[in-house]
């Protein structure tokens, strides 16, 4: 069962970075290009931005450099209403970066600097422990399972949040190519404690530990452990599964500008709406994901409740 927002903020651990985008489609960065950005980014940061903008308490444990890219991110998150007290500032390493270019087929090429940036230096500082101690909900990004030191931080944080009556959500956010035995074991450990699962596509089967299963088989296996599953289907909408309920939510028809961050905004809006007790959380989540793809920049379309309510009123579900 998801805890109320009154218990304490939704928190997450993970990378904060800036995203810089090529203005023309093509393959890679083998020649000089016109670029747009920097945009505040990082999947955990996008998630927390949307939580805060919707009106929920929200905070993040992360690390940025002592540079303009770091300040751009912390200023943005603070303005959104997020708690950045547990965002460390590294004195020498730069803020993480992601250069992105869209291919003609809508695929993307990336050049990342995360592991060798401040983003790779997340630690359980005194400020981080203080944030964990007052958290009401912990959201886990599956990419953390492949980072040994980040997994250690989650192992410390999860029991603290659970012990005070807090809840846990998981976005598996993993490809099967990343599923080492260690990663699979960590994923299974969090699934067993999760109150809400937010997979996309084949992540449903990975979370169930049944990579060849059908959707129905994977859902049935997971519902024996997890009380609430929301399967994100991109432009096909989303489906909520509980032990006795299935709700299918159509997508909203929009012109896509930049799909980065849509799933994070969807999950954050659903979780926050549930924790706040708002009506129609699945519809709000679909609106959040759809609205975000209409803007250039990973969190530039993250909406307030007024924004999303207006968006829903103006759009017809497909």
C-alpha atoms as a PDB file:
ATOM      1  CA  UNK A   1       0.000   0.000   0.000  1.00  0.00           C
ATOM      2  CA  UNK A   2       1.325   3.434  -0.926  1.00  0.00           C
ATOM      3  CA  UNK A   3       1.931   5.806   1.949  1.00  0.00           C
ATOM      4  CA  UNK A   4       0.265   9.207   2.145  1.00  0.00           C
ATOM      5  CA  UNK A   5       2.278  12.276   1.181  1.00  0.00           C
ATOM      6  CA  UNK A   6       1.756  13.495   4.741  1.00  0.00           C
ATOM      7  CA  UNK A   7       4.221  10.867   6.009  1.00  0.00           C
ATOM      8  CA  UNK A   8       7.130  12.479   4.195  1.00  0.00           C
ATOM      9  CA  UNK A   9       8.607  13.172   0.771  1.00  0.00           C
ATOM     10  CA  UNK A  10       9.087  10.855  -2.154  1.00  0.00           C
ATOM     11  CA  UNK A  11      12.840  10.480  -2.568  1.00  0.00           C
ATOM     12  CA  UNK A  12      15.157   8.836  -5.069  1.00  0.00           C
ATOM     13  CA  UNK A  13      18.872   8.286  -5.617  1.00  0.00           C
ATOM     14  CA  UNK A  14      20.681   8.778  -8.898  1.00  0.00           C
ATOM     15  CA  UNK A  15      22.317  10.828 -11.555  1.00  0.00           C
ATOM     16  CA  UNK A  16      21.826  14.510 -12.245  1.00  0.00           C
ATOM     17  CA  UNK A  17      23.251  15.711 -15.546  1.00  0.00           C
ATOM     18  CA  UNK A  18      22.727  18.130 -18.382  1.00  0.00           C
ATOM     19  CA  UNK A  19      21.518  17.093 -21.800  1.00  0.00           C
ATOM     20  CA  UNK A  20      22.728  18.806 -24.962  1.00  0.00           C
ATOM     21  CA  UNK A  21      20.991  17.966 -28.228  1.00  0.00           C
ATOM     22  CA  UNK A  22      21.942  18.153 -31.872  1.00  0.00           C
ATOM     23  CA  UNK A  23      19.441  20.261 -33.806  1.00  0.00           C
ATOM     24  CA  UNK A  24      19.541  18.087 -36.934  1.00  0.00           C
ATOM     25  CA  UNK A  25      18.869  14.346 -37.193  1.00  0.00           C
ATOM     26  CA  UNK A  26      21.657  12.030 -38.241  1.00  0.00           C
ATOM     27  CA  UNK A  27      24.077   9.467 -36.925  1.00  0.00           C
ATOM     28  CA  UNK A  28      26.378  10.328 -34.070  1.00  0.00           C
ATOM     29  CA  UNK A  29      28.768  13.210 -33.520  1.00  0.00           C
ATOM     30  CA  UNK A  30      31.436  12.661 -36.155  1.00  0.00           C
ATOM     31  CA  UNK A  31      31.373  16.257 -37.369  1.00  0.00           C
ATOM     32  CA  UNK A  32      30.635  19.760 -36.085  1.00  0.00           C
ATOM     33  CA  UNK A  33      26.940  20.243 -35.315  1.00  0.00           C
ATOM     34  CA  UNK A  34      24.571  22.911 -34.105  1.00  0.00           C
ATOM     35  CA  UNK A  35      23.512  22.063 -30.564  1.00  0.00           C
ATOM     36  CA  UNK A  36      20.690  23.047 -28.187  1.00  0.00           C
ATOM     37  CA  UNK A  37      20.979  23.087 -24.434  1.00  0.00           C
ATOM     38  CA  UNK A  38      22.064  22.591 -21.759  1.00  0.00           C
ATOM     39  CA  UNK A  39      18.827  21.138 -20.355  1.00  0.00           C
ATOM     40  CA  UNK A  40      18.420  19.854 -16.805  1.00  0.00           C
ATOM     41  CA  UNK A  41      18.275  16.059 -16.974  1.00  0.00           C
ATOM     42  CA  UNK A  42      18.934  12.643 -15.455  1.00  0.00           C
ATOM     43  CA  UNK A  43      16.064  10.168 -15.067  1.00  0.00           C
ATOM     44  CA  UNK A  44      15.893  10.463 -11.246  1.00  0.00           C
ATOM     45  CA  UNK A  45      15.946  14.262 -11.485  1.00  0.00           C
ATOM     46  CA  UNK A  46      13.192  14.286 -14.109  1.00  0.00           C
ATOM     47  CA  UNK A  47      11.114  12.025 -11.874  1.00  0.00           C
ATOM     48  CA  UNK A  48      11.555  14.224  -8.808  1.00  0.00           C
ATOM     49  CA  UNK A  49      10.886  17.400 -10.804  1.00  0.00           C
ATOM     50  CA  UNK A  50       7.492  16.041 -11.879  1.00  0.00           C
ATOM     51  CA  UNK A  51       6.664  14.858  -8.345  1.00  0.00           C
ATOM     52  CA  UNK A  52       7.339  18.329  -6.983  1.00  0.00           C
ATOM     53  CA  UNK A  53       5.571  20.185  -9.775  1.00  0.00           C
ATOM     54  CA  UNK A  54       2.426  18.135  -9.190  1.00  0.00           C
ATOM     55  CA  UNK A  55       2.441  19.251  -5.570  1.00  0.00           C
ATOM     56  CA  UNK A  56       4.033  16.334  -3.764  1.00  0.00           C
ATOM     57  CA  UNK A  57       6.889  16.513  -1.313  1.00  0.00           C
ATOM     58  CA  UNK A  58       9.999  15.352  -3.181  1.00  0.00           C
ATOM     59  CA  UNK A  59      13.765  15.138  -2.767  1.00  0.00           C
ATOM     60  CA  UNK A  60      16.817  13.564  -4.370  1.00  0.00           C
ATOM     61  CA  UNK A  61      20.182  12.193  -3.247  1.00  0.00           C
ATOM     62  CA  UNK A  62      22.703  13.032  -5.962  1.00  0.00           C
ATOM     63  CA  UNK A  63      25.958  14.837  -6.754  1.00  0.00           C
ATOM     64  CA  UNK A  64      26.789  17.657  -9.174  1.00  0.00           C
ATOM     65  CA  UNK A  65      29.915  19.594  -9.986  1.00  0.00           C
ATOM     66  CA  UNK A  66      30.770  23.071  -8.733  1.00  0.00           C
ATOM     67  CA  UNK A  67      29.931  24.497 -12.141  1.00  0.00           C
ATOM     68  CA  UNK A  68      27.170  26.144 -14.154  1.00  0.00           C
ATOM     69  CA  UNK A  69      25.724  22.791 -15.238  1.00  0.00           C
ATOM     70  CA  UNK A  70      25.328  21.750 -11.613  1.00  0.00           C
ATOM     71  CA  UNK A  71      23.790  25.069 -10.624  1.00  0.00           C
ATOM     72  CA  UNK A  72      21.405  24.933 -13.598  1.00  0.00           C
ATOM     73  CA  UNK A  73      20.067  21.623 -12.276  1.00  0.00           C
ATOM     74  CA  UNK A  74      19.827  22.492  -8.600  1.00  0.00           C
ATOM     75  CA  UNK A  75      18.266  25.862  -9.393  1.00  0.00           C
ATOM     76  CA  UNK A  76      15.691  24.155 -11.604  1.00  0.00           C
ATOM     77  CA  UNK A  77      14.822  21.482  -9.050  1.00  0.00           C
ATOM     78  CA  UNK A  78      14.617  24.021  -6.231  1.00  0.00           C
ATOM     79  CA  UNK A  79      12.304  26.215  -8.342  1.00  0.00           C
ATOM     80  CA  UNK A  80      10.096  23.166  -8.997  1.00  0.00           C
ATOM     81  CA  UNK A  81       9.748  22.706  -5.243  1.00  0.00           C
ATOM     82  CA  UNK A  82      12.107  19.733  -4.801  1.00  0.00           C
ATOM     83  CA  UNK A  83      14.354  19.284  -1.763  1.00  0.00           C
ATOM     84  CA  UNK A  84      17.989  19.490  -2.941  1.00  0.00           C
ATOM     85  CA  UNK A  85      19.547  19.443   0.532  1.00  0.00           C
ATOM     86  CA  UNK A  86      21.054  16.007  -0.187  1.00  0.00           C
ATOM     87  CA  UNK A  87      22.603  17.008  -3.526  1.00  0.00           C
ATOM     88  CA  UNK A  88      26.350  17.127  -2.895  1.00  0.00           C
ATOM     89  CA  UNK A  89      28.638  19.481  -4.778  1.00  0.00           C
ATOM     90  CA  UNK A  90      31.912  17.902  -5.862  1.00  0.00           C
ATOM     91  CA  UNK A  91      34.817  20.351  -5.735  1.00  0.00           C
ATOM     92  CA  UNK A  92      36.741  19.064  -8.778  1.00  0.00           C
ATOM     93  CA  UNK A  93      34.670  16.729 -10.968  1.00  0.00           C
ATOM     94  CA  UNK A  94      32.252  18.248 -13.501  1.00  0.00           C
ATOM     95  CA  UNK A  95      28.515  17.716 -13.593  1.00  0.00           C
ATOM     96  CA  UNK A  96      27.511  14.742 -15.732  1.00  0.00           C
ATOM     97  CA  UNK A  97      26.647  15.302 -19.378  1.00  0.00           C
ATOM     98  CA  UNK A  98      24.713  13.564 -22.137  1.00  0.00           C
ATOM     99  CA  UNK A  99      25.026  14.643 -25.765  1.00  0.00           C
ATOM    100  CA  UNK A 100      22.098  13.345 -27.818  1.00  0.00           C
ATOM    101  CA  UNK A 101      21.404  13.140 -31.516  1.00  0.00           C
ATOM    102  CA  UNK A 102      18.245  11.739 -33.033  1.00  0.00           C
ATOM    103  CA  UNK A 103      18.549   9.412 -35.982  1.00  0.00           C
ATOM    104  CA  UNK A 104      16.118   9.696 -38.926  1.00  0.00           C
ATOM    105  CA  UNK A 105      14.340   6.568 -37.616  1.00  0.00           C
ATOM    106  CA  UNK A 106      13.740   8.303 -34.213  1.00  0.00           C
ATOM    107  CA  UNK A 107      16.448   6.246 -32.538  1.00  0.00           C
ATOM    108  CA  UNK A 108      19.136   8.109 -30.597  1.00  0.00           C
ATOM    109  CA  UNK A 109      22.914   8.217 -30.338  1.00  0.00           C
ATOM    110  CA  UNK A 110      24.484   9.322 -27.043  1.00  0.00           C
ATOM    111  CA  UNK A 111      27.837  10.467 -25.731  1.00  0.00           C
ATOM    112  CA  UNK A 112      27.742  10.251 -21.921  1.00  0.00           C
ATOM    113  CA  UNK A 113      30.007  11.377 -19.131  1.00  0.00           C
ATOM    114  CA  UNK A 114      28.452   9.958 -15.976  1.00  0.00           C
ATOM    115  CA  UNK A 115      30.835   7.459 -14.368  1.00  0.00           C
ATOM    116  CA  UNK A 116      33.770   9.895 -14.488  1.00  0.00           C
ATOM    117  CA  UNK A 117      31.756  12.922 -13.423  1.00  0.00           C
ATOM    118  CA  UNK A 118      30.229  14.164 -10.187  1.00  0.00           C
ATOM    119  CA  UNK A 119      27.171  12.043 -11.039  1.00  0.00           C
ATOM    120  CA  UNK A 120      29.255   8.960 -10.274  1.00  0.00           C
ATOM    121  CA  UNK A 121      30.126  10.188  -6.769  1.00  0.00           C
ATOM    122  CA  UNK A 122      26.768   9.827  -5.001  1.00  0.00           C
ATOM    123  CA  UNK A 123      27.337   9.083  -1.320  1.00  0.00           C
ATOM    124  CA  UNK A 124      25.330   8.584   1.859  1.00  0.00           C
ATOM    125  CA  UNK A 125      26.237  11.899   3.444  1.00  0.00           C
ATOM    126  CA  UNK A 126      24.769  13.266   6.663  1.00  0.00           C
ATOM    127  CA  UNK A 127      22.337  15.301   4.538  1.00  0.00           C
ATOM    128  CA  UNK A 128      21.339  12.192   2.606  1.00  0.00           C
ATOM    129  CA  UNK A 129      20.694  10.231   5.799  1.00  0.00           C
ATOM    130  CA  UNK A 130      18.595  13.102   7.121  1.00  0.00           C
ATOM    131  CA  UNK A 131      16.476  13.090   3.951  1.00  0.00           C
ATOM    132  CA  UNK A 132      16.052   9.301   4.101  1.00  0.00           C
ATOM    133  CA  UNK A 133      15.063   9.515   7.779  1.00  0.00           C
ATOM    134  CA  UNK A 134      12.082  11.744   6.999  1.00  0.00           C
ATOM    135  CA  UNK A 135      11.076  10.123   3.677  1.00  0.00           C
ATOM    136  CA  UNK A 136       7.628   8.669   3.206  1.00  0.00           C
ATOM    137  CA  UNK A 137       8.364   6.911  -0.069  1.00  0.00           C
ATOM    138  CA  UNK A 138      11.453   5.671  -1.932  1.00  0.00           C
ATOM    139  CA  UNK A 139      11.457   5.362  -5.713  1.00  0.00           C
ATOM    140  CA  UNK A 140      14.102   3.061  -7.180  1.00  0.00           C
ATOM    141  CA  UNK A 141      15.400   3.319 -10.749  1.00  0.00           C
ATOM    142  CA  UNK A 142      16.518  -0.054 -12.108  1.00  0.00           C
ATOM    143  CA  UNK A 143      19.697   1.422 -13.575  1.00  0.00           C
ATOM    144  CA  UNK A 144      20.960   1.623  -9.961  1.00  0.00           C
ATOM    145  CA  UNK A 145      21.218  -2.172  -9.822  1.00  0.00           C
ATOM    146  CA  UNK A 146      24.240  -2.115 -12.114  1.00  0.00           C
ATOM    147  CA  UNK A 147      26.146   0.431  -9.977  1.00  0.00           C
ATOM    148  CA  UNK A 148      27.709  -1.296  -6.959  1.00  0.00           C
ATOM    149  CA  UNK A 149      28.113   1.744  -4.697  1.00  0.00           C
ATOM    150  CA  UNK A 150      24.612   3.018  -5.487  1.00  0.00           C
ATOM    151  CA  UNK A 151      23.124  -0.375  -4.692  1.00  0.00           C
ATOM    152  CA  UNK A 152      24.825  -0.200  -1.284  1.00  0.00           C
ATOM    153  CA  UNK A 153      23.101   3.128  -0.610  1.00  0.00           C
ATOM    154  CA  UNK A 154      19.710   1.658  -1.500  1.00  0.00           C
ATOM    155  CA  UNK A 155      20.329  -1.297   0.795  1.00  0.00           C
ATOM    156  CA  UNK A 156      20.779   1.182   3.621  1.00  0.00           C
ATOM    157  CA  UNK A 157      17.829   3.411   2.674  1.00  0.00           C
ATOM    158  CA  UNK A 158      15.081   0.876   1.906  1.00  0.00           C
ATOM    159  CA  UNK A 159      14.749  -0.588   5.419  1.00  0.00           C
ATOM    160  CA  UNK A 160      14.811   2.893   6.975  1.00  0.00           C
ATOM    161  CA  UNK A 161      11.907   4.092   4.818  1.00  0.00           C
ATOM    162  CA  UNK A 162       9.965   0.854   5.253  1.00  0.00           C
ATOM    163  CA  UNK A 163      10.455   0.852   9.034  1.00  0.00           C
ATOM    164  CA  UNK A 164       8.658   4.179   9.408  1.00  0.00           C
ATOM    165  CA  UNK A 165       5.679   3.006   7.370  1.00  0.00           C
ATOM    166  CA  UNK A 166       6.928   4.323   4.055  1.00  0.00           C
ATOM    167  CA  UNK A 167       6.350   2.679   0.698  1.00  0.00           C
ATOM    168  CA  UNK A 168       8.555   1.650  -2.228  1.00  0.00           C
ATOM    169  CA  UNK A 169       8.168   1.903  -5.991  1.00  0.00           C
ATOM    170  CA  UNK A 170      10.330   0.526  -8.768  1.00  0.00           C
ATOM    171  CA  UNK A 171      10.836   1.492 -12.387  1.00  0.00           C
ATOM    172  CA  UNK A 172      12.867  -1.480 -13.693  1.00  0.00           C
ATOM    173  CA  UNK A 173      14.431   0.697 -16.426  1.00  0.00           C
ATOM    174  CA  UNK A 174      16.641  -2.193 -17.562  1.00  0.00           C
ATOM    175  CA  UNK A 175      17.392  -3.961 -20.816  1.00  0.00           C
ATOM    176  CA  UNK A 176      17.919  -7.727 -20.842  1.00  0.00           C
ATOM    177  CA  UNK A 177      21.505  -7.121 -21.992  1.00  0.00           C
ATOM    178  CA  UNK A 178      22.245  -5.594 -18.556  1.00  0.00           C
ATOM    179  CA  UNK A 179      20.828  -8.535 -16.623  1.00  0.00           C
ATOM    180  CA  UNK A 180      23.878 -10.106 -14.993  1.00  0.00           C
ATOM    181  CA  UNK A 181      23.293 -12.556 -12.121  1.00  0.00           C
ATOM    182  CA  UNK A 182      24.040  -9.752  -9.618  1.00  0.00           C
ATOM    183  CA  UNK A 183      21.654  -7.353 -11.343  1.00  0.00           C
ATOM    184  CA  UNK A 184      18.897  -9.974 -11.489  1.00  0.00           C
ATOM    185  CA  UNK A 185      19.304 -10.759  -7.788  1.00  0.00           C
ATOM    186  CA  UNK A 186      19.131  -7.086  -6.837  1.00  0.00           C
ATOM    187  CA  UNK A 187      16.068  -6.568  -9.020  1.00  0.00           C
ATOM    188  CA  UNK A 188      14.305  -9.534  -7.416  1.00  0.00           C
ATOM    189  CA  UNK A 189      15.129  -8.230  -3.941  1.00  0.00           C
ATOM    190  CA  UNK A 190      13.466  -4.864  -4.627  1.00  0.00           C
ATOM    191  CA  UNK A 191      10.487  -6.389  -6.463  1.00  0.00           C
ATOM    192  CA  UNK A 192       9.801  -8.492  -3.365  1.00  0.00           C
ATOM    193  CA  UNK A 193       9.489  -5.316  -1.272  1.00  0.00           C
ATOM    194  CA  UNK A 194       7.803  -3.018  -3.805  1.00  0.00           C
ATOM    195  CA  UNK A 195       4.363  -1.516  -3.340  1.00  0.00           C
ATOM    196  CA  UNK A 196       4.205  -0.242  -6.921  1.00  0.00           C
ATOM    197  CA  UNK A 197       5.893  -1.435 -10.112  1.00  0.00           C
ATOM    198  CA  UNK A 198       6.184   0.850 -13.165  1.00  0.00           C
ATOM    199  CA  UNK A 199       7.627  -1.213 -16.044  1.00  0.00           C
ATOM    200  CA  UNK A 200       7.709  -0.503 -19.764  1.00  0.00           C
ATOM    201  CA  UNK A 201       7.455  -3.245 -22.389  1.00  0.00           C
ATOM    202  CA  UNK A 202       9.660  -6.271 -21.722  1.00  0.00           C
ATOM    203  CA  UNK A 203      10.722  -4.852 -18.344  1.00  0.00           C
ATOM    204  CA  UNK A 204       7.520  -6.491 -17.082  1.00  0.00           C
ATOM    205  CA  UNK A 205       8.924  -9.947 -17.849  1.00  0.00           C
ATOM    206  CA  UNK A 206      12.376  -9.049 -16.496  1.00  0.00           C
ATOM    207  CA  UNK A 207      10.838  -7.895 -13.210  1.00  0.00           C
ATOM    208  CA  UNK A 208       8.930 -11.174 -12.990  1.00  0.00           C
ATOM    209  CA  UNK A 209      12.095 -13.166 -13.658  1.00  0.00           C
ATOM    210  CA  UNK A 210      10.291 -14.721 -16.638  1.00  0.00           C
ATOM    211  CA  UNK A 211      11.895 -13.250 -19.786  1.00  0.00           C
ATOM    212  CA  UNK A 212       9.970 -15.557 -22.162  1.00  0.00           C
ATOM    213  CA  UNK A 213       6.574 -15.226 -20.445  1.00  0.00           C
ATOM    214  CA  UNK A 214       3.499 -13.626 -21.934  1.00  0.00           C
ATOM    215  CA  UNK A 215       2.207 -10.373 -20.500  1.00  0.00           C
ATOM    216  CA  UNK A 216      -0.586 -12.181 -18.669  1.00  0.00           C
ATOM    217  CA  UNK A 217       1.820 -14.736 -17.183  1.00  0.00           C
ATOM    218  CA  UNK A 218       4.246 -12.049 -16.015  1.00  0.00           C
ATOM    219  CA  UNK A 219       1.453  -9.949 -14.492  1.00  0.00           C
ATOM    220  CA  UNK A 220       0.041 -12.945 -12.638  1.00  0.00           C
ATOM    221  CA  UNK A 221       3.449 -13.845 -11.225  1.00  0.00           C
ATOM    222  CA  UNK A 222       4.150 -10.291 -10.115  1.00  0.00           C
ATOM    223  CA  UNK A 223       0.746  -9.733  -8.513  1.00  0.00           C
ATOM    224  CA  UNK A 224       1.571 -12.571  -6.148  1.00  0.00           C
ATOM    225  CA  UNK A 225       4.239 -10.243  -4.747  1.00  0.00           C
ATOM    226  CA  UNK A 226       3.503  -6.636  -5.788  1.00  0.00           C
ATOM    227  CA  UNK A 227       0.042  -5.173  -5.053  1.00  0.00           C
ATOM    228  CA  UNK A 228       0.007  -2.590  -7.848  1.00  0.00           C
ATOM    229  CA  UNK A 229       1.480  -2.609 -11.360  1.00  0.00           C
ATOM    230  CA  UNK A 230       1.210   0.127 -13.968  1.00  0.00           C
ATOM    231  CA  UNK A 231       2.475  -1.026 -17.363  1.00  0.00           C
ATOM    232  CA  UNK A 232       3.603   1.893 -19.536  1.00  0.00           C
ATOM    233  CA  UNK A 233       2.812   1.323 -23.210  1.00  0.00           C
ATOM    234  CA  UNK A 234       4.128   4.548 -24.768  1.00  0.00           C
ATOM    235  CA  UNK A 235       1.844   5.872 -27.475  1.00  0.00           C
ATOM    236  CA  UNK A 236      -0.507   2.951 -26.788  1.00  0.00           C
ATOM    237  CA  UNK A 237      -1.352   4.245 -23.316  1.00  0.00           C
ATOM    238  CA  UNK A 238      -0.988   2.339 -20.049  1.00  0.00           C
ATOM    239  CA  UNK A 239      -2.649  -0.362 -17.961  1.00  0.00           C
ATOM    240  CA  UNK A 240      -3.152  -0.604 -14.199  1.00  0.00           C
ATOM    241  CA  UNK A 241      -3.214  -4.102 -12.720  1.00  0.00           C
ATOM    242  CA  UNK A 242      -4.161  -5.032  -9.152  1.00  0.00           C
ATOM    243  CA  UNK A 243      -5.422  -8.328  -7.754  1.00  0.00           C
ATOM    244  CA  UNK A 244      -9.021  -7.487  -8.692  1.00  0.00           C
ATOM    245  CA  UNK A 245      -8.751  -4.585 -11.154  1.00  0.00           C
ATOM    246  CA  UNK A 246      -7.578  -3.861 -14.683  1.00  0.00           C
ATOM    247  CA  UNK A 247      -7.864  -0.325 -16.041  1.00  0.00           C
ATOM    248  CA  UNK A 248      -6.684   0.560 -19.555  1.00  0.00           C
ATOM    249  CA  UNK A 249      -5.808   4.209 -20.109  1.00  0.00           C
ATOM    250  CA  UNK A 250      -5.590   5.431 -23.725  1.00  0.00           C
ATOM    251  CA  UNK A 251      -2.728   7.684 -24.749  1.00  0.00           C
ATOM    252  CA  UNK A 252      -3.274  11.335 -25.624  1.00  0.00           C
ATOM    253  CA  UNK A 253      -2.625  12.324 -29.236  1.00  0.00           C
ATOM    254  CA  UNK A 254       0.260  14.799 -29.415  1.00  0.00           C
ATOM    255  CA  UNK A 255       2.995  15.864 -31.790  1.00  0.00           C
ATOM    256  CA  UNK A 256       6.222  14.437 -30.417  1.00  0.00           C
ATOM    257  CA  UNK A 257       9.147  16.826 -30.115  1.00  0.00           C
ATOM    258  CA  UNK A 258      11.375  15.007 -27.626  1.00  0.00           C
ATOM    259  CA  UNK A 259      10.419  11.682 -25.978  1.00  0.00           C
ATOM    260  CA  UNK A 260      13.167  11.769 -23.340  1.00  0.00           C
ATOM    261  CA  UNK A 261      11.712  11.815 -19.839  1.00  0.00           C
ATOM    262  CA  UNK A 262       8.150  10.861 -20.787  1.00  0.00           C
ATOM    263  CA  UNK A 263       8.210   7.616 -18.807  1.00  0.00           C
ATOM    264  CA  UNK A 264       9.738   9.347 -15.785  1.00  0.00           C
ATOM    265  CA  UNK A 265       7.066  12.048 -15.833  1.00  0.00           C
ATOM    266  CA  UNK A 266       4.345   9.409 -16.243  1.00  0.00           C
ATOM    267  CA  UNK A 267       5.565   7.393 -13.256  1.00  0.00           C
ATOM    268  CA  UNK A 268       6.101  10.448 -11.075  1.00  0.00           C
ATOM    269  CA  UNK A 269       2.641  11.820 -11.826  1.00  0.00           C
ATOM    270  CA  UNK A 270       0.955   8.490 -11.103  1.00  0.00           C
ATOM    271  CA  UNK A 271       2.810   7.947  -7.842  1.00  0.00           C
ATOM    272  CA  UNK A 272       2.323  11.514  -6.639  1.00  0.00           C
ATOM    273  CA  UNK A 273      -1.363  11.553  -7.523  1.00  0.00           C
ATOM    274  CA  UNK A 274      -1.805   8.312  -5.580  1.00  0.00           C
ATOM    275  CA  UNK A 275       0.096   9.615  -2.552  1.00  0.00           C
ATOM    276  CA  UNK A 276      -1.873  12.886  -2.605  1.00  0.00           C
ATOM    277  CA  UNK A 277      -5.208  11.118  -3.088  1.00  0.00           C
ATOM    278  CA  UNK A 278      -5.970  12.892  -6.369  1.00  0.00           C
ATOM    279  CA  UNK A 279      -8.722  11.675  -8.674  1.00  0.00           C
ATOM    280  CA  UNK A 280      -7.901   9.719 -11.846  1.00  0.00           C
ATOM    281  CA  UNK A 281      -4.163   9.146 -11.229  1.00  0.00           C
ATOM    282  CA  UNK A 282      -3.749   6.998 -14.354  1.00  0.00           C
ATOM    283  CA  UNK A 283      -5.228   9.711 -16.566  1.00  0.00           C
ATOM    284  CA  UNK A 284      -3.016  12.350 -14.924  1.00  0.00           C
ATOM    285  CA  UNK A 285       0.004  10.139 -15.534  1.00  0.00           C
ATOM    286  CA  UNK A 286      -0.872   9.689 -19.207  1.00  0.00           C
ATOM    287  CA  UNK A 287      -1.283  13.450 -19.535  1.00  0.00           C
ATOM    288  CA  UNK A 288       2.086  14.057 -17.851  1.00  0.00           C
ATOM    289  CA  UNK A 289       3.906  11.702 -20.185  1.00  0.00           C
ATOM    290  CA  UNK A 290       2.173  13.085 -23.281  1.00  0.00           C
ATOM    291  CA  UNK A 291       2.669  16.717 -22.308  1.00  0.00           C
ATOM    292  CA  UNK A 292       6.356  16.185 -21.703  1.00  0.00           C
ATOM    293  CA  UNK A 293       7.059  14.887 -25.222  1.00  0.00           C
ATOM    294  CA  UNK A 294       5.688  18.109 -26.731  1.00  0.00           C
ATOM    295  CA  UNK A 295       8.635  20.134 -25.349  1.00  0.00           C
ATOM    296  CA  UNK A 296      12.329  20.096 -26.186  1.00  0.00           C
ATOM    297  CA  UNK A 297      14.270  19.094 -23.096  1.00  0.00           C
ATOM    298  CA  UNK A 298      13.790  16.104 -20.773  1.00  0.00           C
ATOM    299  CA  UNK A 299      11.854  17.897 -18.024  1.00  0.00           C
ATOM    300  CA  UNK A 300      10.679  21.034 -19.793  1.00  0.00           C
ATOM    301  CA  UNK A 301       7.163  19.637 -20.174  1.00  0.00           C
ATOM    302  CA  UNK A 302       6.739  18.469 -16.563  1.00  0.00           C
ATOM    303  CA  UNK A 303       3.366  19.870 -15.526  1.00  0.00           C
ATOM    304  CA  UNK A 304       1.603  21.200 -12.482  1.00  0.00           C
ATOM    305  CA  UNK A 305      -1.857  19.876 -11.578  1.00  0.00           C
ATOM    306  CA  UNK A 306      -3.364  22.932 -13.279  1.00  0.00           C
ATOM    307  CA  UNK A 307      -1.248  22.274 -16.396  1.00  0.00           C
ATOM    308  CA  UNK A 308      -2.296  18.629 -16.587  1.00  0.00           C
ATOM    309  CA  UNK A 309      -5.958  19.342 -15.869  1.00  0.00           C
ATOM    310  CA  UNK A 310      -5.984  21.899 -18.673  1.00  0.00           C
ATOM    311  CA  UNK A 311      -4.138  19.498 -21.001  1.00  0.00           C
ATOM    312  CA  UNK A 312      -6.722  16.750 -20.358  1.00  0.00           C
ATOM    313  CA  UNK A 313      -9.585  19.144 -21.014  1.00  0.00           C
ATOM    314  CA  UNK A 314      -8.071  20.213 -24.342  1.00  0.00           C
ATOM    315  CA  UNK A 315      -7.121  16.774 -25.665  1.00  0.00           C
ATOM    316  CA  UNK A 316      -9.190  13.776 -26.701  1.00  0.00           C
ATOM    317  CA  UNK A 317      -7.738  10.373 -25.785  1.00  0.00           C
ATOM    318  CA  UNK A 318      -6.896   8.283 -28.837  1.00  0.00           C
END
